[in-house]
N, C-alpha and C. Protein backbone atom coordinates (compact mmCIF):
# COMPACT_ATOMS: atom_id res chain seq x y z
N MET A 1 140.79 110.69 141.65
CA MET A 1 140.25 109.59 140.90
C MET A 1 139.86 108.48 141.87
N THR A 2 138.66 108.00 141.75
CA THR A 2 138.21 106.91 142.61
C THR A 2 138.19 105.62 141.81
N PRO A 3 138.19 104.47 142.49
CA PRO A 3 138.13 103.19 141.77
C PRO A 3 136.88 103.07 140.90
N SER A 4 135.80 103.73 141.28
CA SER A 4 134.58 103.63 140.48
C SER A 4 134.69 104.38 139.15
N ASP A 5 135.66 105.28 139.02
CA ASP A 5 135.89 106.00 137.77
C ASP A 5 136.71 105.19 136.77
N ARG A 6 137.40 104.16 137.22
CA ARG A 6 138.32 103.41 136.36
C ARG A 6 137.63 102.77 135.16
N PRO A 7 136.46 102.13 135.28
CA PRO A 7 135.84 101.54 134.08
C PRO A 7 135.54 102.59 133.01
N SER A 8 135.04 103.74 133.40
CA SER A 8 134.76 104.78 132.42
C SER A 8 136.04 105.31 131.78
N GLN A 9 137.09 105.45 132.58
CA GLN A 9 138.37 105.90 132.03
C GLN A 9 138.92 104.88 131.04
N ALA A 10 138.82 103.62 131.39
CA ALA A 10 139.29 102.57 130.48
C ALA A 10 138.47 102.56 129.20
N ALA A 11 137.16 102.76 129.32
CA ALA A 11 136.30 102.79 128.14
C ALA A 11 136.62 103.99 127.25
N LEU A 12 136.87 105.14 127.86
CA LEU A 12 137.27 106.31 127.07
C LEU A 12 138.60 106.05 126.35
N ALA A 13 139.55 105.43 127.04
CA ALA A 13 140.82 105.10 126.40
C ALA A 13 140.61 104.14 125.24
N CYS A 14 139.71 103.18 125.41
CA CYS A 14 139.39 102.24 124.34
C CYS A 14 138.84 102.98 123.12
N LEU A 15 137.92 103.91 123.34
CA LEU A 15 137.35 104.67 122.23
C LEU A 15 138.41 105.53 121.55
N ILE A 16 139.30 106.12 122.34
CA ILE A 16 140.37 106.94 121.77
C ILE A 16 141.25 106.09 120.85
N LEU A 17 141.63 104.92 121.32
CA LEU A 17 142.49 104.05 120.50
C LEU A 17 141.75 103.56 119.26
N LEU A 18 140.51 103.10 119.41
CA LEU A 18 139.75 102.62 118.26
C LEU A 18 139.58 103.70 117.20
N GLN A 19 139.19 104.89 117.62
CA GLN A 19 138.95 105.95 116.67
C GLN A 19 140.25 106.46 116.04
N THR A 20 141.34 106.43 116.79
CA THR A 20 142.63 106.82 116.24
C THR A 20 143.07 105.84 115.16
N VAL A 21 142.89 104.55 115.42
CA VAL A 21 143.25 103.53 114.43
C VAL A 21 142.39 103.70 113.17
N MET A 22 141.09 103.93 113.34
CA MET A 22 140.22 104.09 112.18
C MET A 22 140.58 105.35 111.39
N LEU A 23 140.90 106.42 112.09
CA LEU A 23 141.30 107.65 111.42
C LEU A 23 142.62 107.45 110.67
N ALA A 24 143.56 106.76 111.29
CA ALA A 24 144.84 106.49 110.64
C ALA A 24 144.64 105.61 109.41
N SER A 25 143.76 104.61 109.51
CA SER A 25 143.53 103.76 108.35
C SER A 25 142.84 104.52 107.22
N LEU A 26 142.00 105.49 107.58
CA LEU A 26 141.37 106.34 106.56
C LEU A 26 142.43 107.15 105.81
N TYR A 27 143.29 107.82 106.56
CA TYR A 27 144.31 108.66 105.94
C TYR A 27 145.36 107.85 105.18
N ALA A 28 145.67 106.66 105.68
CA ALA A 28 146.67 105.82 105.02
C ALA A 28 146.08 105.03 103.85
N GLY A 29 144.76 104.90 103.82
CA GLY A 29 144.11 104.16 102.75
C GLY A 29 144.12 102.65 102.94
N PHE A 30 144.38 102.19 104.19
CA PHE A 30 144.35 100.77 104.46
C PHE A 30 142.93 100.30 104.69
N ALA A 31 142.53 99.24 104.01
CA ALA A 31 141.20 98.68 104.19
C ALA A 31 141.21 97.76 105.41
N PRO A 32 140.11 97.61 106.11
CA PRO A 32 138.91 98.44 105.95
C PRO A 32 139.09 99.77 106.68
N HIS A 33 138.53 100.78 106.13
CA HIS A 33 138.58 102.09 106.76
C HIS A 33 137.23 102.76 106.57
N PRO A 34 136.95 103.75 107.40
CA PRO A 34 135.66 104.44 107.26
C PRO A 34 135.62 105.22 105.94
N PRO A 35 134.42 105.48 105.45
CA PRO A 35 134.33 106.30 104.23
C PRO A 35 134.85 107.70 104.51
N ALA A 36 135.34 108.35 103.49
CA ALA A 36 135.88 109.70 103.67
C ALA A 36 134.80 110.69 104.06
N ALA A 37 133.58 110.45 103.63
CA ALA A 37 132.48 111.37 103.92
C ALA A 37 131.18 110.60 104.03
N THR A 38 130.24 111.18 104.74
CA THR A 38 128.86 110.69 104.80
C THR A 38 128.00 111.81 104.22
N PRO A 39 126.70 111.57 104.04
CA PRO A 39 125.88 112.66 103.50
C PRO A 39 125.86 113.91 104.38
N LEU A 40 126.19 113.76 105.68
CA LEU A 40 126.07 114.90 106.59
C LEU A 40 127.40 115.59 106.92
N PHE A 41 128.54 114.87 106.82
CA PHE A 41 129.80 115.46 107.26
C PHE A 41 130.98 114.62 106.78
N GLY A 42 132.17 115.18 106.88
CA GLY A 42 133.39 114.43 106.60
C GLY A 42 133.78 113.63 107.82
N ILE A 43 134.22 112.40 107.62
CA ILE A 43 134.55 111.52 108.74
C ILE A 43 135.79 111.99 109.50
N GLY A 44 136.80 112.48 108.79
CA GLY A 44 138.02 112.94 109.47
C GLY A 44 137.74 113.99 110.53
N PRO A 45 137.06 115.08 110.18
CA PRO A 45 136.74 116.08 111.20
C PRO A 45 135.83 115.55 112.31
N PHE A 46 134.91 114.66 111.95
CA PHE A 46 134.02 114.09 112.97
C PHE A 46 134.81 113.24 113.96
N LEU A 47 135.70 112.38 113.45
CA LEU A 47 136.51 111.57 114.36
C LEU A 47 137.43 112.45 115.21
N GLY A 48 137.92 113.54 114.63
CA GLY A 48 138.72 114.49 115.41
C GLY A 48 137.93 115.07 116.57
N ALA A 49 136.69 115.44 116.31
CA ALA A 49 135.84 115.99 117.37
C ALA A 49 135.52 114.92 118.42
N ALA A 50 135.25 113.70 117.98
CA ALA A 50 134.95 112.61 118.91
C ALA A 50 136.16 112.30 119.79
N LEU A 51 137.34 112.26 119.19
CA LEU A 51 138.56 112.02 119.96
C LEU A 51 138.80 113.14 120.95
N SER A 52 138.58 114.37 120.54
CA SER A 52 138.76 115.52 121.44
C SER A 52 137.83 115.44 122.63
N ALA A 53 136.59 115.07 122.41
CA ALA A 53 135.63 114.94 123.51
C ALA A 53 136.08 113.86 124.49
N ALA A 54 136.57 112.73 123.96
CA ALA A 54 137.00 111.64 124.84
C ALA A 54 138.24 112.02 125.65
N VAL A 55 139.19 112.68 125.02
CA VAL A 55 140.40 113.12 125.75
C VAL A 55 140.03 114.16 126.81
N ALA A 56 139.18 115.11 126.46
CA ALA A 56 138.76 116.13 127.43
C ALA A 56 138.03 115.48 128.60
N ALA A 57 137.19 114.48 128.33
CA ALA A 57 136.47 113.79 129.40
C ALA A 57 137.45 113.08 130.33
N LEU A 58 138.49 112.47 129.76
CA LEU A 58 139.51 111.83 130.61
C LEU A 58 140.21 112.84 131.51
N ILE A 59 140.52 113.99 130.94
CA ILE A 59 141.23 115.03 131.71
C ILE A 59 140.34 115.60 132.81
N LEU A 60 139.07 115.85 132.50
CA LEU A 60 138.17 116.47 133.47
C LEU A 60 137.65 115.49 134.51
N GLY A 61 137.67 114.20 134.20
CA GLY A 61 137.24 113.20 135.17
C GLY A 61 135.77 113.29 135.52
N ALA A 62 135.46 113.01 136.79
CA ALA A 62 134.07 112.91 137.24
C ALA A 62 133.46 114.26 137.59
N THR A 63 133.85 115.30 136.90
CA THR A 63 133.22 116.60 137.09
C THR A 63 131.96 116.65 136.23
N PRO A 64 131.07 117.60 136.46
CA PRO A 64 129.89 117.70 135.58
C PRO A 64 130.27 117.85 134.10
N ALA A 65 131.24 118.70 133.81
CA ALA A 65 131.67 118.87 132.41
C ALA A 65 132.28 117.59 131.87
N GLY A 66 133.04 116.88 132.68
CA GLY A 66 133.64 115.61 132.26
C GLY A 66 132.59 114.57 131.94
N ARG A 67 131.52 114.53 132.75
CA ARG A 67 130.44 113.58 132.48
C ARG A 67 129.70 113.92 131.19
N VAL A 68 129.48 115.20 130.95
CA VAL A 68 128.82 115.61 129.70
C VAL A 68 129.68 115.22 128.51
N LEU A 69 130.98 115.50 128.59
CA LEU A 69 131.87 115.16 127.49
C LEU A 69 131.99 113.65 127.31
N ALA A 70 131.97 112.89 128.39
CA ALA A 70 132.01 111.43 128.27
C ALA A 70 130.76 110.92 127.55
N GLY A 71 129.61 111.50 127.88
CA GLY A 71 128.38 111.11 127.19
C GLY A 71 128.43 111.47 125.71
N LEU A 72 128.96 112.65 125.40
CA LEU A 72 129.12 113.04 124.00
C LEU A 72 130.10 112.13 123.28
N ALA A 73 131.17 111.76 123.94
CA ALA A 73 132.16 110.86 123.32
C ALA A 73 131.54 109.49 123.04
N ALA A 74 130.75 108.99 123.99
CA ALA A 74 130.10 107.69 123.78
C ALA A 74 129.10 107.77 122.63
N GLY A 75 128.31 108.84 122.60
CA GLY A 75 127.34 109.01 121.52
C GLY A 75 128.02 109.14 120.16
N ALA A 76 129.11 109.90 120.12
CA ALA A 76 129.84 110.07 118.86
C ALA A 76 130.44 108.73 118.42
N ALA A 77 130.92 107.94 119.36
CA ALA A 77 131.49 106.64 119.01
C ALA A 77 130.43 105.72 118.41
N LEU A 78 129.20 105.84 118.89
CA LEU A 78 128.14 104.98 118.35
C LEU A 78 127.79 105.33 116.92
N VAL A 79 128.13 106.53 116.46
CA VAL A 79 127.96 106.86 115.05
C VAL A 79 128.86 105.94 114.22
N SER A 80 130.07 105.69 114.71
CA SER A 80 131.02 104.83 113.99
C SER A 80 130.86 103.36 114.32
N PHE A 81 130.45 103.04 115.56
CA PHE A 81 130.45 101.65 116.01
C PHE A 81 129.09 101.17 116.49
N GLY A 82 128.03 101.88 116.19
CA GLY A 82 126.70 101.53 116.69
C GLY A 82 126.11 100.30 116.01
N PRO A 83 124.92 99.92 116.46
CA PRO A 83 124.26 98.72 115.93
C PRO A 83 123.96 98.77 114.43
N GLN A 84 123.92 99.95 113.85
CA GLN A 84 123.71 100.06 112.41
C GLN A 84 124.83 99.40 111.62
N LYS A 85 125.98 99.22 112.25
CA LYS A 85 127.12 98.61 111.57
C LYS A 85 126.92 97.12 111.31
N TYR A 86 125.94 96.48 112.00
CA TYR A 86 125.65 95.07 111.73
C TYR A 86 125.17 94.88 110.29
N PHE A 87 124.64 95.94 109.69
CA PHE A 87 124.11 95.87 108.32
C PHE A 87 125.10 96.41 107.30
N ASP A 88 126.27 96.82 107.73
CA ASP A 88 127.30 97.33 106.83
C ASP A 88 127.93 96.16 106.08
N PRO A 89 128.11 96.29 104.76
CA PRO A 89 128.74 95.19 104.00
C PRO A 89 130.14 94.82 104.50
N GLN A 90 130.83 95.75 105.16
CA GLN A 90 132.17 95.47 105.67
C GLN A 90 132.16 94.88 107.08
N PHE A 91 130.97 94.61 107.63
CA PHE A 91 130.90 94.12 109.01
C PHE A 91 131.80 92.92 109.27
N PRO A 92 131.89 91.93 108.36
CA PRO A 92 132.80 90.80 108.64
C PRO A 92 134.26 91.23 108.82
N LEU A 93 134.62 92.39 108.31
CA LEU A 93 135.99 92.88 108.44
C LEU A 93 136.19 93.79 109.64
N ILE A 94 135.11 94.42 110.10
CA ILE A 94 135.24 95.44 111.16
C ILE A 94 134.59 95.03 112.48
N TRP A 95 134.06 93.81 112.57
CA TRP A 95 133.30 93.44 113.76
C TRP A 95 134.08 93.59 115.07
N PRO A 96 135.41 93.31 115.12
CA PRO A 96 136.08 93.52 116.41
C PRO A 96 136.01 94.97 116.89
N ALA A 97 136.19 95.91 115.97
CA ALA A 97 136.11 97.32 116.35
C ALA A 97 134.69 97.70 116.74
N VAL A 98 133.71 97.20 116.00
CA VAL A 98 132.31 97.52 116.29
C VAL A 98 131.93 97.03 117.68
N LEU A 99 132.24 95.77 117.97
CA LEU A 99 131.86 95.23 119.29
C LEU A 99 132.62 95.92 120.41
N SER A 100 133.92 96.18 120.20
CA SER A 100 134.70 96.88 121.23
C SER A 100 134.15 98.28 121.47
N GLY A 101 133.82 98.98 120.40
CA GLY A 101 133.25 100.32 120.53
C GLY A 101 131.92 100.31 121.25
N GLN A 102 131.08 99.32 120.97
CA GLN A 102 129.78 99.24 121.63
C GLN A 102 129.93 98.94 123.12
N VAL A 103 130.84 98.04 123.45
CA VAL A 103 131.07 97.72 124.87
C VAL A 103 131.59 98.96 125.60
N ALA A 104 132.56 99.65 125.00
CA ALA A 104 133.13 100.84 125.63
C ALA A 104 132.07 101.92 125.81
N ALA A 105 131.28 102.17 124.78
CA ALA A 105 130.22 103.18 124.90
C ALA A 105 129.20 102.76 125.96
N GLY A 106 128.89 101.48 126.02
CA GLY A 106 127.95 100.99 127.03
C GLY A 106 128.47 101.18 128.44
N VAL A 107 129.75 100.91 128.65
CA VAL A 107 130.36 101.10 129.99
C VAL A 107 130.27 102.56 130.39
N ILE A 108 130.56 103.45 129.46
CA ILE A 108 130.50 104.89 129.77
C ILE A 108 129.07 105.30 130.10
N LEU A 109 128.12 104.89 129.27
CA LEU A 109 126.73 105.28 129.49
C LEU A 109 126.18 104.69 130.79
N LEU A 110 126.51 103.44 131.09
CA LEU A 110 126.07 102.84 132.36
C LEU A 110 126.71 103.56 133.55
N GLY A 111 127.97 103.94 133.40
CA GLY A 111 128.64 104.69 134.47
C GLY A 111 127.97 106.03 134.70
N LEU A 112 127.54 106.68 133.63
CA LEU A 112 126.85 107.97 133.78
C LEU A 112 125.51 107.78 134.46
N LEU A 113 124.79 106.73 134.10
CA LEU A 113 123.49 106.47 134.72
C LEU A 113 123.63 106.09 136.18
N SER A 114 124.70 105.38 136.54
CA SER A 114 124.87 104.96 137.93
C SER A 114 125.20 106.13 138.84
N ARG A 115 125.62 107.25 138.27
CA ARG A 115 125.89 108.45 139.08
C ARG A 115 124.61 109.09 139.60
N PHE A 116 123.49 108.72 138.99
CA PHE A 116 122.20 109.31 139.36
C PHE A 116 121.21 108.23 139.74
N PRO A 117 121.52 107.40 140.75
CA PRO A 117 120.63 106.27 141.06
C PRO A 117 119.24 106.69 141.51
N THR A 118 119.11 107.77 142.27
CA THR A 118 117.76 108.14 142.72
C THR A 118 116.96 108.73 141.57
N PHE A 119 117.61 109.42 140.67
CA PHE A 119 116.91 109.97 139.50
C PHE A 119 116.45 108.83 138.60
N ALA A 120 117.29 107.79 138.45
CA ALA A 120 116.94 106.67 137.60
C ALA A 120 115.74 105.90 138.15
N LYS A 121 115.53 105.98 139.45
CA LYS A 121 114.40 105.29 140.07
C LYS A 121 113.16 106.17 140.11
N GLY A 122 113.22 107.33 139.49
CA GLY A 122 112.06 108.20 139.44
C GLY A 122 111.99 109.22 140.57
N LYS A 123 112.99 109.29 141.40
CA LYS A 123 113.00 110.23 142.53
C LYS A 123 114.13 111.20 142.32
N ALA A 124 113.82 112.33 141.77
CA ALA A 124 114.85 113.33 141.53
C ALA A 124 115.42 113.80 142.85
N HIS A 125 116.72 113.87 142.94
CA HIS A 125 117.40 114.30 144.15
C HIS A 125 118.27 115.50 143.81
N VAL A 126 118.10 116.57 144.53
CA VAL A 126 118.91 117.76 144.31
C VAL A 126 119.87 117.89 145.47
N GLY A 127 121.14 118.12 145.13
CA GLY A 127 122.07 118.35 146.21
C GLY A 127 123.34 117.67 146.11
């Protein structure tokens, strides 16, 4: 583990805690909590998959598979904490989680982009 990996690890831990609290509030019935289902899927299984991706990314670290899983974890977190939540009627009750989730996902995504500085500048580098 290098010092440059610490922000992404902290962000993954933040997402794990946020999603665990939201899942627990769903099962316990404490408001505010996520809806039990969306038109596309049940929230419980989705949060379980998102948590699994984040934990696996922490375990794998800065390996290629770990980076892929970190990106998936950040993307999955944005389903729950993305900018669409600003229009949610419960936003006044959930804004701390939304903002924390967005910051954590942003740190992960920026960390992933910084791993490929020459590619980001338009110069693909192999090796």
